[in-house]
Amino acid sequence: MEPHTEATLVPPLAAVPLPRDPTGPALTPPAGHATSTSDRGAFCLAVCTCGWRGPARRSRDLARKDATGHTSE
């Protein structure tokens, strides 16, 4: 058996953020709250533009209720 000599480059993971320059400009969160739901396998969770995330739920309806509760706070 011959060893594998040619490797295919794999692009970096898009889900892993690159380290930020601490001397660079600070990121400002968007004004207001805009919520949506995100599916993660069998679970659904509510997310907001302010960085808030609700608990993982199996019911999309419960995730939507979590988002509504967050925006009404």
PDB file of N, CA and C in Angstrom:
ATOM      1  N   MET A   1       0.815  -1.158   0.000  1.00  0.00           N
ATOM      2  CA  MET A   1       0.000   0.000   0.000  1.00  0.00           C
ATOM      3  C   MET A   1       0.878   1.248   0.000  1.00  0.00           C
ATOM      4  N   GLU A   2       0.589   2.177  -0.897  1.00  0.00           N
ATOM      5  CA  GLU A   2       1.397   3.386  -0.983  1.00  0.00           C
ATOM      6  C   GLU A   2       0.825   4.473  -0.069  1.00  0.00           C
ATOM      7  N   PRO A   3       1.708   5.266   0.526  1.00  0.00           N
ATOM      8  CA  PRO A   3       1.198   6.345   1.389  1.00  0.00           C
ATOM      9  C   PRO A   3       0.528   7.441   0.556  1.00  0.00           C
ATOM     10  N   HIS A   4      -0.427   8.093   1.155  1.00  0.00           N
ATOM     11  CA  HIS A   4      -1.139   9.180   0.499  1.00  0.00           C
ATOM     12  C   HIS A   4      -0.216  10.403   0.464  1.00  0.00           C
ATOM     13  N   THR A   5       0.088  10.918  -0.720  1.00  0.00           N
ATOM     14  CA  THR A   5       1.039  12.022  -0.817  1.00  0.00           C
ATOM     15  C   THR A   5       0.380  13.346  -1.169  1.00  0.00           C
ATOM     16  N   GLU A   6      -0.826  13.319  -1.714  1.00  0.00           N
ATOM     17  CA  GLU A   6      -1.497  14.561  -2.058  1.00  0.00           C
ATOM     18  C   GLU A   6      -2.665  14.796  -1.100  1.00  0.00           C
ATOM     19  N   ALA A   7      -2.668  15.963  -0.514  1.00  0.00           N
ATOM     20  CA  ALA A   7      -3.733  16.303   0.430  1.00  0.00           C
ATOM     21  C   ALA A   7      -4.589  17.410  -0.158  1.00  0.00           C
ATOM     22  N   THR A   8      -5.853  17.355   0.125  1.00  0.00           N
ATOM     23  CA  THR A   8      -6.783  18.397  -0.301  1.00  0.00           C
ATOM     24  C   THR A   8      -6.932  19.387   0.837  1.00  0.00           C
ATOM     25  N   LEU A   9      -6.736  20.667   0.541  1.00  0.00           N
ATOM     26  CA  LEU A   9      -6.893  21.681   1.571  1.00  0.00           C
ATOM     27  C   LEU A   9      -8.361  21.838   1.941  1.00  0.00           C
ATOM     28  N   VAL A  10      -8.614  21.977   3.208  1.00  0.00           N
ATOM     29  CA  VAL A  10      -9.965  22.144   3.704  1.00  0.00           C
ATOM     30  C   VAL A  10     -10.118  23.606   4.130  1.00  0.00           C
ATOM     31  N   PRO A  11     -11.182  24.280   3.689  1.00  0.00           N
ATOM     32  CA  PRO A  11     -11.351  25.674   4.105  1.00  0.00           C
ATOM     33  C   PRO A  11     -11.588  25.761   5.604  1.00  0.00           C
ATOM     34  N   PRO A  12     -11.248  26.900   6.224  1.00  0.00           N
ATOM     35  CA  PRO A  12     -11.462  27.023   7.672  1.00  0.00           C
ATOM     36  C   PRO A  12     -12.947  26.983   8.000  1.00  0.00           C
ATOM     37  N   LEU A  13     -13.236  26.593   9.212  1.00  0.00           N
ATOM     38  CA  LEU A  13     -14.623  26.513   9.658  1.00  0.00           C
ATOM     39  C   LEU A  13     -15.229  27.907   9.719  1.00  0.00           C
ATOM     40  N   ALA A  14     -16.381  28.077   9.091  1.00  0.00           N
ATOM     41  CA  ALA A  14     -17.044  29.379   9.104  1.00  0.00           C
ATOM     42  C   ALA A  14     -17.692  29.649  10.456  1.00  0.00           C
ATOM     43  N   ALA A  15     -17.960  28.600  11.227  1.00  0.00           N
ATOM     44  CA  ALA A  15     -18.633  28.777  12.508  1.00  0.00           C
ATOM     45  C   ALA A  15     -17.685  29.279  13.592  1.00  0.00           C
ATOM     46  N   VAL A  16     -16.385  29.167  13.366  1.00  0.00           N
ATOM     47  CA  VAL A  16     -15.423  29.600  14.372  1.00  0.00           C
ATOM     48  C   VAL A  16     -14.977  31.019  14.038  1.00  0.00           C
ATOM     49  N   PRO A  17     -15.284  31.984  14.909  1.00  0.00           N
ATOM     50  CA  PRO A  17     -14.892  33.358  14.606  1.00  0.00           C
ATOM     51  C   PRO A  17     -13.385  33.537  14.725  1.00  0.00           C
ATOM     52  N   LEU A  18     -12.855  34.411  13.915  1.00  0.00           N
ATOM     53  CA  LEU A  18     -11.441  34.736  13.989  1.00  0.00           C
ATOM     54  C   LEU A  18     -11.191  35.628  15.199  1.00  0.00           C
ATOM     55  N   PRO A  19      -9.999  35.555  15.783  1.00  0.00           N
ATOM     56  CA  PRO A  19      -9.718  36.424  16.933  1.00  0.00           C
ATOM     57  C   PRO A  19      -9.769  37.892  16.509  1.00  0.00           C
ATOM     58  N   ARG A  20     -10.327  38.725  17.378  1.00  0.00           N
ATOM     59  CA  ARG A  20     -10.422  40.158  17.077  1.00  0.00           C
ATOM     60  C   ARG A  20      -9.185  40.889  17.558  1.00  0.00           C
ATOM     61  N   ASP A  21      -8.859  41.951  16.854  1.00  0.00           N
ATOM     62  CA  ASP A  21      -7.759  42.811  17.249  1.00  0.00           C
ATOM     63  C   ASP A  21      -8.234  43.660  18.428  1.00  0.00           C
ATOM     64  N   PRO A  22      -7.611  43.526  19.620  1.00  0.00           N
ATOM     65  CA  PRO A  22      -8.093  44.295  20.773  1.00  0.00           C
ATOM     66  C   PRO A  22      -7.925  45.802  20.601  1.00  0.00           C
ATOM     67  N   THR A  23      -7.043  46.223  19.710  1.00  0.00           N
ATOM     68  CA  THR A  23      -6.854  47.654  19.499  1.00  0.00           C
ATOM     69  C   THR A  23      -7.759  48.199  18.414  1.00  0.00           C
ATOM     70  N   GLY A  24      -8.496  47.318  17.737  1.00  0.00           N
ATOM     71  CA  GLY A  24      -9.386  47.731  16.655  1.00  0.00           C
ATOM     72  C   GLY A  24     -10.665  48.333  17.189  1.00  0.00           C
ATOM     73  N   PRO A  25     -11.539  48.774  16.283  1.00  0.00           N
ATOM     74  CA  PRO A  25     -12.796  49.381  16.724  1.00  0.00           C
ATOM     75  C   PRO A  25     -13.704  48.360  17.399  1.00  0.00           C
ATOM     76  N   ALA A  26     -14.414  48.812  18.416  1.00  0.00           N
ATOM     77  CA  ALA A  26     -15.340  47.931  19.132  1.00  0.00           C
ATOM     78  C   ALA A  26     -16.599  47.741  18.308  1.00  0.00           C
ATOM     79  N   LEU A  27     -17.139  46.550  18.362  1.00  0.00           N
ATOM     80  CA  LEU A  27     -18.382  46.275  17.650  1.00  0.00           C
ATOM     81  C   LEU A  27     -19.545  46.806  18.473  1.00  0.00           C
ATOM     82  N   THR A  28     -20.446  47.510  17.830  1.00  0.00           N
ATOM     83  CA  THR A  28     -21.619  48.017  18.530  1.00  0.00           C
ATOM     84  C   THR A  28     -22.820  47.172  18.139  1.00  0.00           C
ATOM     85  N   PRO A  29     -23.603  46.742  19.124  1.00  0.00           N
ATOM     86  CA  PRO A  29     -24.776  45.932  18.795  1.00  0.00           C
ATOM     87  C   PRO A  29     -25.824  46.784  18.087  1.00  0.00           C
ATOM     88  N   PRO A  30     -26.607  46.191  17.210  1.00  0.00           N
ATOM     89  CA  PRO A  30     -27.649  46.949  16.533  1.00  0.00           C
ATOM     90  C   PRO A  30     -28.697  47.444  17.529  1.00  0.00           C
ATOM     91  N   ALA A  31     -29.305  48.567  17.198  1.00  0.00           N
ATOM     92  CA  ALA A  31     -30.325  49.140  18.072  1.00  0.00           C
ATOM     93  C   ALA A  31     -31.583  48.287  18.022  1.00  0.00           C
ATOM     94  N   GLY A  32     -32.240  48.164  19.160  1.00  0.00           N
ATOM     95  CA  GLY A  32     -33.469  47.382  19.206  1.00  0.00           C
ATOM     96  C   GLY A  32     -33.200  45.889  19.260  1.00  0.00           C
ATOM     97  N   HIS A  33     -34.270  45.135  19.264  1.00  0.00           N
ATOM     98  CA  HIS A  33     -34.177  43.683  19.308  1.00  0.00           C
ATOM     99  C   HIS A  33     -34.900  43.108  18.101  1.00  0.00           C
ATOM    100  N   ALA A  34     -34.205  42.304  17.348  1.00  0.00           N
ATOM    101  CA  ALA A  34     -34.820  41.582  16.233  1.00  0.00           C
ATOM    102  C   ALA A  34     -34.590  40.098  16.495  1.00  0.00           C
ATOM    103  N   THR A  35     -35.653  39.369  16.785  1.00  0.00           N
ATOM    104  CA  THR A  35     -35.528  37.956  17.133  1.00  0.00           C
ATOM    105  C   THR A  35     -35.899  37.071  15.960  1.00  0.00           C
ATOM    106  N   SER A  36     -35.367  35.867  15.985  1.00  0.00           N
ATOM    107  CA  SER A  36     -35.702  34.846  15.000  1.00  0.00           C
ATOM    108  C   SER A  36     -35.470  33.492  15.667  1.00  0.00           C
ATOM    109  N   THR A  37     -35.771  32.430  14.958  1.00  0.00           N
ATOM    110  CA  THR A  37     -35.508  31.093  15.479  1.00  0.00           C
ATOM    111  C   THR A  37     -34.439  30.429  14.636  1.00  0.00           C
ATOM    112  N   SER A  38     -33.696  29.538  15.265  1.00  0.00           N
ATOM    113  CA  SER A  38     -32.613  28.830  14.601  1.00  0.00           C
ATOM    114  C   SER A  38     -32.741  27.352  14.929  1.00  0.00           C
ATOM    115  N   ASP A  39     -32.648  26.502  13.918  1.00  0.00           N
ATOM    116  CA  ASP A  39     -32.725  25.055  14.126  1.00  0.00           C
ATOM    117  C   ASP A  39     -31.329  24.491  14.332  1.00  0.00           C
ATOM    118  N   ARG A  40     -31.202  23.662  15.351  1.00  0.00           N
ATOM    119  CA  ARG A  40     -29.950  22.958  15.629  1.00  0.00           C
ATOM    120  C   ARG A  40     -30.292  21.487  15.795  1.00  0.00           C
ATOM    121  N   GLY A  41     -30.278  20.759  14.717  1.00  0.00           N
ATOM    122  CA  GLY A  41     -30.656  19.354  14.766  1.00  0.00           C
ATOM    123  C   GLY A  41     -32.126  19.221  15.091  1.00  0.00           C
ATOM    124  N   ALA A  42     -32.455  18.475  16.130  1.00  0.00           N
ATOM    125  CA  ALA A  42     -33.850  18.269  16.526  1.00  0.00           C
ATOM    126  C   ALA A  42     -34.368  19.406  17.396  1.00  0.00           C
ATOM    127  N   PHE A  43     -33.513  20.379  17.695  1.00  0.00           N
ATOM    128  CA  PHE A  43     -33.900  21.453  18.596  1.00  0.00           C
ATOM    129  C   PHE A  43     -34.027  22.778  17.859  1.00  0.00           C
ATOM    130  N   CYS A  44     -34.794  23.684  18.442  1.00  0.00           N
ATOM    131  CA  CYS A  44     -35.006  25.018  17.908  1.00  0.00           C
ATOM    132  C   CYS A  44     -34.750  25.992  19.052  1.00  0.00           C
ATOM    133  N   LEU A  45     -34.070  27.090  18.775  1.00  0.00           N
ATOM    134  CA  LEU A  45     -33.872  28.083  19.809  1.00  0.00           C
ATOM    135  C   LEU A  45     -34.097  29.472  19.259  1.00  0.00           C
ATOM    136  N   ALA A  46     -34.507  30.375  20.133  1.00  0.00           N
ATOM    137  CA  ALA A  46     -34.729  31.758  19.759  1.00  0.00           C
ATOM    138  C   ALA A  46     -33.409  32.505  19.899  1.00  0.00           C
ATOM    139  N   VAL A  47     -33.099  33.376  18.940  1.00  0.00           N
ATOM    140  CA  VAL A  47     -31.895  34.195  18.986  1.00  0.00           C
ATOM    141  C   VAL A  47     -32.278  35.646  18.728  1.00  0.00           C
ATOM    142  N   CYS A  48     -31.470  36.563  19.249  1.00  0.00           N
ATOM    143  CA  CYS A  48     -31.736  37.992  19.106  1.00  0.00           C
ATOM    144  C   CYS A  48     -30.472  38.688  18.610  1.00  0.00           C
ATOM    145  N   THR A  49     -30.648  39.832  17.967  1.00  0.00           N
ATOM    146  CA  THR A  49     -29.500  40.580  17.461  1.00  0.00           C
ATOM    147  C   THR A  49     -28.661  41.165  18.593  1.00  0.00           C
ATOM    148  N   CYS A  50     -29.198  41.238  19.815  1.00  0.00           N
ATOM    149  CA  CYS A  50     -28.425  41.754  20.944  1.00  0.00           C
ATOM    150  C   CYS A  50     -27.474  40.695  21.506  1.00  0.00           C
ATOM    151  N   GLY A  51     -27.573  39.457  21.028  1.00  0.00           N
ATOM    152  CA  GLY A  51     -26.696  38.387  21.499  1.00  0.00           C
ATOM    153  C   GLY A  51     -27.393  37.384  22.406  1.00  0.00           C
ATOM    154  N   TRP A  52     -28.621  37.670  22.796  1.00  0.00           N
ATOM    155  CA  TRP A  52     -29.380  36.775  23.661  1.00  0.00           C
ATOM    156  C   TRP A  52     -29.759  35.511  22.898  1.00  0.00           C
ATOM    157  N   ARG A  53     -29.757  34.379  23.598  1.00  0.00           N
ATOM    158  CA  ARG A  53     -30.233  33.106  23.043  1.00  0.00           C
ATOM    159  C   ARG A  53     -31.127  32.452  24.061  1.00  0.00           C
ATOM    160  N   GLY A  54     -32.238  31.933  23.592  1.00  0.00           N
ATOM    161  CA  GLY A  54     -33.153  31.214  24.467  1.00  0.00           C
ATOM    162  C   GLY A  54     -32.720  29.770  24.622  1.00  0.00           C
ATOM    163  N   PRO A  55     -33.375  29.046  25.509  1.00  0.00           N
ATOM    164  CA  PRO A  55     -33.040  27.637  25.686  1.00  0.00           C
ATOM    165  C   PRO A  55     -33.446  26.814  24.459  1.00  0.00           C
ATOM    166  N   ALA A  56     -32.751  25.714  24.251  1.00  0.00           N
ATOM    167  CA  ALA A  56     -33.083  24.821  23.137  1.00  0.00           C
ATOM    168  C   ALA A  56     -34.400  24.124  23.440  1.00  0.00           C
ATOM    169  N   ARG A  57     -35.279  24.143  22.464  1.00  0.00           N
ATOM    170  CA  ARG A  57     -36.607  23.539  22.614  1.00  0.00           C
ATOM    171  C   ARG A  57     -36.851  22.560  21.481  1.00  0.00           C
ATOM    172  N   ARG A  58     -37.678  21.574  21.719  1.00  0.00           N
ATOM    173  CA  ARG A  58     -38.093  20.685  20.643  1.00  0.00           C
ATOM    174  C   ARG A  58     -39.281  21.279  19.894  1.00  0.00           C
ATOM    175  N   SER A  59     -39.953  22.242  20.503  1.00  0.00           N
ATOM    176  CA  SER A  59     -41.125  22.873  19.908  1.00  0.00           C
ATOM    177  C   SER A  59     -40.757  24.264  19.380  1.00  0.00           C
ATOM    178  N   ARG A  60     -40.989  24.488  18.084  1.00  0.00           N
ATOM    179  CA  ARG A  60     -40.725  25.815  17.519  1.00  0.00           C
ATOM    180  C   ARG A  60     -41.643  26.863  18.144  1.00  0.00           C
ATOM    181  N   ASP A  61     -42.860  26.455  18.472  1.00  0.00           N
ATOM    182  CA  ASP A  61     -43.804  27.381  19.081  1.00  0.00           C
ATOM    183  C   ASP A  61     -43.278  27.891  20.420  1.00  0.00           C
ATOM    184  N   LEU A  62     -42.703  27.014  21.236  1.00  0.00           N
ATOM    185  CA  LEU A  62     -42.143  27.446  22.515  1.00  0.00           C
ATOM    186  C   LEU A  62     -40.942  28.368  22.293  1.00  0.00           C
ATOM    187  N   ALA A  63     -40.128  28.100  21.275  1.00  0.00           N
ATOM    188  CA  ALA A  63     -38.996  28.978  20.973  1.00  0.00           C
ATOM    189  C   ALA A  63     -39.492  30.362  20.556  1.00  0.00           C
ATOM    190  N   ARG A  64     -40.578  30.407  19.775  1.00  0.00           N
ATOM    191  CA  ARG A  64     -41.153  31.698  19.379  1.00  0.00           C
ATOM    192  C   ARG A  64     -41.683  32.449  20.599  1.00  0.00           C
ATOM    193  N   LYS A  65     -42.283  31.716  21.536  1.00  0.00           N
ATOM    194  CA  LYS A  65     -42.781  32.352  22.763  1.00  0.00           C
ATOM    195  C   LYS A  65     -41.620  32.893  23.597  1.00  0.00           C
ATOM    196  N   ASP A  66     -40.498  32.184  23.633  1.00  0.00           N
ATOM    197  CA  ASP A  66     -39.308  32.686  24.323  1.00  0.00           C
ATOM    198  C   ASP A  66     -38.850  34.004  23.691  1.00  0.00           C
ATOM    199  N   ALA A  67     -38.863  34.058  22.358  1.00  0.00           N
ATOM    200  CA  ALA A  67     -38.446  35.282  21.652  1.00  0.00           C
ATOM    201  C   ALA A  67     -39.399  36.428  21.953  1.00  0.00           C
ATOM    202  N   THR A  68     -40.688  36.154  21.974  1.00  0.00           N
ATOM    203  CA  THR A  68     -41.682  37.190  22.276  1.00  0.00           C
ATOM    204  C   THR A  68     -41.476  37.696  23.707  1.00  0.00           C
ATOM    205  N   GLY A  69     -41.205  36.804  24.625  1.00  0.00           N
ATOM    206  CA  GLY A  69     -40.959  37.200  25.995  1.00  0.00           C
ATOM    207  C   GLY A  69     -39.703  38.050  26.127  1.00  0.00           C
ATOM    208  N   HIS A  70     -38.683  37.768  25.331  1.00  0.00           N
ATOM    209  CA  HIS A  70     -37.453  38.553  25.379  1.00  0.00           C
ATOM    210  C   HIS A  70     -37.672  39.967  24.860  1.00  0.00           C
ATOM    211  N   THR A  71     -38.417  40.109  23.780  1.00  0.00           N
ATOM    212  CA  THR A  71     -38.619  41.434  23.197  1.00  0.00           C
ATOM    213  C   THR A  71     -39.560  42.287  24.042  1.00  0.00           C
ATOM    214  N   SER A  72     -40.397  41.655  24.870  1.00  0.00           N
ATOM    215  CA  SER A  72     -41.318  42.437  25.702  1.00  0.00           C
ATOM    216  C   SER A  72     -40.685  42.889  27.007  1.00  0.00           C
ATOM    217  N   GLU A  73     -39.479  42.425  27.307  1.00  0.00           N
ATOM    218  CA  GLU A  73     -38.797  42.804  28.566  1.00  0.00           C
ATOM    219  C   GLU A  73     -38.354  44.237  28.525  1.00  0.00           C
TER     220      GLU A  73
END
